[in-house]
Amino acid sequence: MAPESDLLRASLMPVSSTLDLSVVIVNWNTSELLRDCLTSVSAHVVVGTNAEIIVVDNASSDGSAAMVEREFPQARLIRNSRNLGFAYANNLAIRISLGRYVLLLNSDTVVPEGAVPALIEFMNDHPDAGACGPRLIRPDGLPQAYSFGRDPTLRYLAQRAVSRLLLQRDLHKWDTDEVETVDWVSGACLLARRATIHQVGLLDEAMFMYFEDNDWCLRMRQAGWQIYHCPFVSVVHLGGRSLVNNPSARATYYHSLQCFYQKHYSTLACIALRLSIAAYRLVCSVRYVGRS
């Protein structure tokens, strides 16, 4: 069997290209949001930029694919027969993309004028940057939590749990105005250099959803690249909601976190993580019962 790194790099298009940018959007049953996203991309990204749009539809049942074909014929559309996950779908598009840069964009984002050109200019001016991401904001204009951050080590997860459960506040300052190197930026809007992708490979498809962006950024850093958070650019993201009331998403989140640990950390750390997750869920359940 080929090494994992070789499998992740398989079938990538060449680095050299006349296209500046490939915009990759994965969709699953978000037709109306996808329409708004594509409208913003068509107006504010493609116009004035040598770019292509690739939409991957993960077997939606709400007419999303037909809407793209009808209203956005300039977009390249990939139809999946079933939902095989966020990482898998992005990889399908990245493999056929041609741009010097690849922009991963969630279907529930709205891109304002000038945002993506500013990120591309930043990447051009920072040859050490493997990827960068903007400030993600909610529709009300407030910064969205966890649009960037640190690696999910046991120490960090413990600090975050204490901050949430005992101090009732976030561990990070999300409204920072400083450009800074970070461990990861959110895959909801992530601009990656094609040369970096060729070096480190594609997203890890073992992570159906969640932590695939953490893993990708970690591999970039391990290869010597920097990851930048660029708050001088803001992109509206409607997602990022709490997992508390979504058991299926919460289970996927914990599964992907354990996949991340199995890949990057020791067996002892993996065991400690499983125990920590069980304890955290127990505490959350007790708190929920106490409030009901």
Protein backbone atom coordinates (compact mmCIF):
# COMPACT_ATOMS: atom_id res chain seq x y z
CA MET A 1 0.00 0.00 0.00
CA ALA A 2 1.26 3.49 -0.85
CA PRO A 3 2.23 5.78 2.03
CA GLU A 4 -0.50 8.09 3.29
CA SER A 5 1.29 11.19 2.01
CA ASP A 6 1.48 9.71 -1.50
CA LEU A 7 -2.22 8.82 -1.44
CA LEU A 8 -3.14 12.34 -0.34
CA ARG A 9 -1.06 13.84 -3.15
CA ALA A 10 -2.44 11.51 -5.84
CA SER A 11 -3.74 13.04 -9.08
CA LEU A 12 -3.15 16.70 -8.21
CA MET A 13 -2.97 19.12 -11.12
CA PRO A 14 0.37 20.88 -11.84
CA VAL A 15 1.45 23.90 -9.83
CA SER A 16 1.94 26.17 -12.84
CA SER A 17 -1.31 27.61 -14.15
CA THR A 18 -2.73 30.67 -15.82
CA LEU A 19 -5.56 30.75 -13.27
CA ASP A 20 -5.03 32.77 -10.11
CA LEU A 21 -7.72 31.14 -8.02
CA SER A 22 -9.94 28.09 -7.70
CA VAL A 23 -12.97 28.60 -5.44
CA VAL A 24 -14.17 25.28 -3.99
CA ILE A 25 -17.62 25.10 -2.40
CA VAL A 26 -19.08 21.93 -0.87
CA ASN A 27 -22.85 21.78 -0.50
CA TRP A 28 -25.32 19.51 1.24
CA ASN A 29 -28.97 20.59 1.25
CA THR A 30 -28.33 24.32 1.59
CA SER A 31 -29.80 25.50 -1.71
CA GLU A 32 -30.82 29.00 -0.63
CA LEU A 33 -27.59 29.64 1.27
CA LEU A 34 -25.57 28.28 -1.65
CA ARG A 35 -27.35 30.69 -4.00
CA ASP A 36 -26.37 33.64 -1.79
CA CYS A 37 -22.81 32.36 -1.53
CA LEU A 38 -22.43 31.89 -5.29
CA THR A 39 -23.99 35.28 -5.96
CA SER A 40 -21.38 36.94 -3.73
CA VAL A 41 -18.54 34.91 -5.24
CA SER A 42 -19.66 35.66 -8.80
CA ALA A 43 -19.94 39.38 -8.07
CA HIS A 44 -16.99 39.96 -5.76
CA VAL A 45 -14.44 37.23 -6.50
CA VAL A 46 -14.64 36.09 -10.11
CA VAL A 47 -15.12 39.60 -11.51
CA GLY A 48 -11.66 41.14 -11.79
CA THR A 49 -9.91 37.91 -10.82
CA ASN A 50 -8.77 35.11 -13.09
CA ALA A 51 -10.73 32.48 -11.21
CA GLU A 52 -12.83 29.36 -11.52
CA ILE A 53 -15.68 28.11 -9.31
CA ILE A 54 -16.11 24.42 -8.49
CA VAL A 55 -19.20 23.28 -6.59
CA VAL A 56 -19.40 19.78 -5.14
CA ASP A 57 -22.90 18.65 -4.22
CA ASN A 58 -23.01 15.84 -1.67
CA ALA A 59 -26.22 14.13 -2.87
CA SER A 60 -28.53 16.96 -1.82
CA SER A 61 -32.28 16.36 -2.00
CA ASP A 62 -33.32 20.03 -2.10
CA GLY A 63 -32.57 20.78 -5.76
CA SER A 64 -29.20 22.41 -5.06
CA ALA A 65 -27.42 20.87 -8.03
CA ALA A 66 -30.17 21.82 -10.46
CA MET A 67 -30.12 25.37 -9.10
CA VAL A 68 -26.37 25.64 -9.72
CA GLU A 69 -26.72 24.35 -13.28
CA ARG A 70 -29.60 26.72 -14.01
CA GLU A 71 -28.42 29.92 -12.32
CA PHE A 72 -24.61 29.62 -12.27
CA PRO A 73 -23.59 27.90 -15.52
CA GLN A 74 -20.07 29.32 -15.17
CA ALA A 75 -19.48 27.04 -12.16
CA ARG A 76 -18.11 23.54 -12.62
CA LEU A 77 -20.45 21.14 -10.84
CA ILE A 78 -19.57 17.76 -9.37
CA ARG A 79 -22.54 15.63 -8.29
CA ASN A 80 -21.87 12.95 -5.69
CA SER A 81 -24.27 10.02 -5.48
CA ARG A 82 -23.98 10.02 -1.68
CA ASN A 83 -22.59 12.18 1.08
CA LEU A 84 -19.04 11.02 1.72
CA GLY A 85 -18.02 13.95 3.86
CA PHE A 86 -16.58 17.45 3.71
CA ALA A 87 -12.95 16.43 3.22
CA TYR A 88 -13.76 13.90 0.47
CA ALA A 89 -15.87 16.41 -1.45
CA ASN A 90 -13.25 19.16 -1.20
CA ASN A 91 -10.58 16.77 -2.42
CA LEU A 92 -12.61 15.92 -5.53
CA ALA A 93 -12.62 19.59 -6.46
CA ILE A 94 -9.01 20.28 -5.49
CA ARG A 95 -7.86 17.42 -7.74
CA ILE A 96 -9.37 19.05 -10.84
CA SER A 97 -8.71 22.66 -9.83
CA LEU A 98 -6.20 24.77 -11.75
CA GLY A 99 -5.63 27.94 -9.72
CA ARG A 100 -2.37 29.01 -8.10
CA TYR A 101 -4.44 29.37 -4.95
CA VAL A 102 -7.34 27.25 -3.73
CA LEU A 103 -10.08 28.86 -1.65
CA LEU A 104 -12.16 26.48 0.47
CA LEU A 105 -15.49 28.16 1.09
CA ASN A 106 -18.53 26.92 2.99
CA SER A 107 -21.87 27.20 1.25
CA ASP A 108 -23.18 29.30 4.16
CA THR A 109 -20.69 32.13 3.68
CA VAL A 110 -21.12 35.50 2.00
CA VAL A 111 -17.98 37.10 0.56
CA PRO A 112 -17.85 40.92 0.45
CA GLU A 113 -16.19 42.94 -2.27
CA GLY A 114 -12.41 43.02 -2.07
CA ALA A 115 -12.07 40.28 0.54
CA VAL A 116 -10.52 37.51 -1.54
CA PRO A 117 -8.23 39.78 -3.62
CA ALA A 118 -6.89 41.14 -0.31
CA LEU A 119 -6.14 37.61 0.92
CA ILE A 120 -4.42 36.75 -2.37
CA GLU A 121 -2.32 39.91 -2.13
CA PHE A 122 -1.36 38.94 1.42
CA MET A 123 -0.27 35.47 0.26
CA ASN A 124 1.73 37.00 -2.60
CA ASP A 125 3.49 39.29 -0.10
CA HIS A 126 4.16 36.46 2.37
CA PRO A 127 5.90 33.59 0.57
CA ASP A 128 6.17 31.70 3.87
CA ALA A 129 2.36 31.45 4.09
CA GLY A 130 0.94 28.04 3.29
CA ALA A 131 -2.59 29.18 4.08
CA CYS A 132 -4.50 32.08 5.55
CA GLY A 133 -8.01 32.82 6.69
CA PRO A 134 -10.09 35.96 7.30
CA ARG A 135 -12.00 37.09 10.33
CA LEU A 136 -15.29 35.17 10.22
CA ILE A 137 -18.23 37.22 11.40
CA ARG A 138 -21.84 36.46 12.23
CA PRO A 139 -24.69 38.17 10.36
CA ASP A 140 -24.87 40.71 13.21
CA GLY A 141 -21.25 41.69 12.56
CA LEU A 142 -19.78 40.17 15.71
CA PRO A 143 -16.72 37.91 15.36
CA GLN A 144 -17.40 34.21 15.22
CA ALA A 145 -15.70 31.97 17.75
CA TYR A 146 -13.23 29.32 16.63
CA SER A 147 -12.49 30.71 13.19
CA PHE A 148 -8.82 30.21 14.10
CA GLY A 149 -7.00 28.75 17.06
CA ARG A 150 -4.45 26.42 18.59
CA ASP A 151 -3.87 22.71 18.24
CA PRO A 152 -6.29 20.65 20.38
CA THR A 153 -3.72 19.29 22.81
CA LEU A 154 -4.93 17.83 26.10
CA ARG A 155 -3.67 20.88 27.96
CA TYR A 156 -5.48 23.23 25.61
CA LEU A 157 -8.73 21.24 25.75
CA ALA A 158 -8.58 21.26 29.55
CA GLN A 159 -8.03 25.04 29.61
CA ARG A 160 -10.95 25.53 27.22
CA ALA A 161 -13.25 23.30 29.28
CA VAL A 162 -12.42 25.17 32.49
CA SER A 163 -12.94 28.50 30.75
CA ARG A 164 -16.34 27.43 29.45
CA LEU A 165 -17.73 25.51 32.40
CA LEU A 166 -16.32 27.42 35.35
CA LEU A 167 -15.44 30.90 34.12
CA GLN A 168 -18.31 31.20 31.63
CA ARG A 169 -16.14 32.84 28.99
CA ASP A 170 -14.14 31.99 25.88
CA LEU A 171 -10.46 31.21 26.12
CA HIS A 172 -9.62 33.38 23.10
CA LYS A 173 -10.10 36.99 22.09
CA TRP A 174 -11.92 36.57 18.78
CA ASP A 175 -12.11 40.28 17.90
CA THR A 176 -8.36 40.73 17.55
CA ASP A 177 -7.20 43.17 14.86
CA GLU A 178 -3.65 41.84 14.69
CA VAL A 179 -2.41 39.71 11.81
CA GLU A 180 -0.77 36.74 13.48
CA THR A 181 0.51 33.25 12.88
CA VAL A 182 -1.83 30.64 14.33
CA ASP A 183 -2.02 26.86 14.46
CA TRP A 184 -5.04 26.67 12.16
CA VAL A 185 -7.71 28.69 10.38
CA SER A 186 -11.23 27.49 9.68
CA GLY A 187 -12.01 25.55 6.53
CA ALA A 188 -15.16 27.66 6.22
CA CYS A 189 -12.94 30.16 4.39
CA LEU A 190 -9.36 29.02 3.91
CA LEU A 191 -7.01 30.18 1.16
CA ALA A 192 -4.23 27.67 0.46
CA ARG A 193 -1.21 27.88 -1.79
CA ARG A 194 -1.18 25.19 -4.48
CA ALA A 195 2.54 24.61 -4.01
CA THR A 196 1.82 23.87 -0.35
CA ILE A 197 -0.96 21.44 -1.24
CA HIS A 198 1.41 19.63 -3.59
CA GLN A 199 3.89 19.29 -0.75
CA VAL A 200 1.59 18.17 2.08
CA GLY A 201 -1.27 16.53 0.17
CA LEU A 202 -5.03 16.80 0.31
CA LEU A 203 -7.44 16.88 3.24
CA ASP A 204 -7.60 13.69 5.30
CA GLU A 205 -10.81 11.89 4.35
CA ALA A 206 -10.79 9.83 7.56
CA MET A 207 -12.24 12.97 9.15
CA PHE A 208 -15.77 13.11 7.74
CA MET A 209 -16.30 16.62 9.08
CA TYR A 210 -14.49 18.70 11.72
CA PHE A 211 -10.72 18.83 12.38
CA GLU A 212 -9.80 18.20 8.74
CA ASP A 213 -8.74 21.87 8.60
CA ASN A 214 -6.75 21.52 11.85
CA ASP A 215 -4.99 18.49 10.44
CA TRP A 216 -4.25 20.17 7.10
CA CYS A 217 -2.81 23.26 8.76
CA LEU A 218 -0.72 21.14 11.14
CA ARG A 219 0.77 19.24 8.20
CA MET A 220 1.55 22.54 6.49
CA ARG A 221 3.33 23.80 9.59
CA GLN A 222 5.25 20.54 9.92
CA ALA A 223 6.44 21.09 6.35
CA GLY A 224 7.75 24.55 7.27
CA TRP A 225 4.85 26.77 6.19
CA GLN A 226 3.12 29.42 8.29
CA ILE A 227 -0.64 29.77 8.85
CA TYR A 228 -1.94 33.33 9.14
CA HIS A 229 -5.13 34.78 10.55
CA CYS A 230 -5.94 37.97 8.62
CA PRO A 231 -8.59 40.02 10.48
CA PHE A 232 -8.27 42.93 8.05
CA VAL A 233 -10.63 40.86 5.89
CA SER A 234 -14.10 39.82 7.11
CA VAL A 235 -16.34 37.13 5.63
CA VAL A 236 -19.86 36.44 6.87
CA HIS A 237 -20.38 32.86 8.08
CA LEU A 238 -23.86 31.73 9.05
CA GLY A 239 -22.67 28.43 10.51
CA GLY A 240 -20.54 27.65 13.53
CA ARG A 241 -23.53 27.07 15.77
CA SER A 242 -23.39 25.11 19.02
CA LEU A 243 -23.28 21.32 18.92
CA VAL A 244 -25.27 21.03 22.14
CA ASN A 245 -28.62 20.47 20.44
CA ASN A 246 -27.27 18.37 17.56
CA PRO A 247 -26.30 14.89 18.83
CA SER A 248 -25.31 13.62 15.37
CA ALA A 249 -22.96 16.54 14.71
CA ARG A 250 -21.55 16.24 18.24
CA ALA A 251 -20.79 12.54 17.69
CA THR A 252 -19.07 13.36 14.38
CA TYR A 253 -17.07 16.09 16.12
CA TYR A 254 -15.76 13.73 18.80
CA HIS A 255 -15.02 11.00 16.26
CA SER A 256 -12.96 13.38 14.13
CA LEU A 257 -11.13 14.68 17.20
CA GLN A 258 -10.17 11.11 18.08
CA CYS A 259 -9.00 10.53 14.49
CA PHE A 260 -6.83 13.64 14.81
CA TYR A 261 -5.33 12.31 18.06
CA GLN A 262 -4.66 8.85 16.61
CA LYS A 263 -2.81 10.49 13.75
CA HIS A 264 -0.72 13.04 15.63
CA TYR A 265 -0.47 12.08 19.30
CA SER A 266 0.58 9.11 21.45
CA THR A 267 -1.57 6.13 22.46
CA LEU A 268 -1.58 7.44 26.03
CA ALA A 269 -2.89 10.80 24.82
CA CYS A 270 -5.64 9.01 22.86
CA ILE A 271 -6.74 7.12 25.98
CA ALA A 272 -6.67 10.31 28.03
CA LEU A 273 -8.76 12.04 25.38
CA ARG A 274 -11.46 9.35 25.47
CA LEU A 275 -11.65 9.61 29.25
CA SER A 276 -11.74 13.41 29.05
CA ILE A 277 -14.57 13.36 26.51
CA ALA A 278 -16.59 11.01 28.71
CA ALA A 279 -16.03 13.22 31.76
CA TYR A 280 -16.86 16.42 29.87
CA ARG A 281 -20.08 14.97 28.47
CA LEU A 282 -21.08 13.79 31.94
CA VAL A 283 -20.52 17.25 33.43
CA CYS A 284 -22.47 18.87 30.59
CA SER A 285 -25.34 16.42 31.10
CA VAL A 286 -25.48 17.13 34.83
CA ARG A 287 -25.47 20.88 34.19
CA TYR A 288 -28.26 20.50 31.60
CA VAL A 289 -30.41 18.43 33.97
CA GLY A 290 -29.80 20.93 36.75
CA ARG A 291 -31.05 23.80 34.57
CA SER A 292 -34.14 21.98 33.23
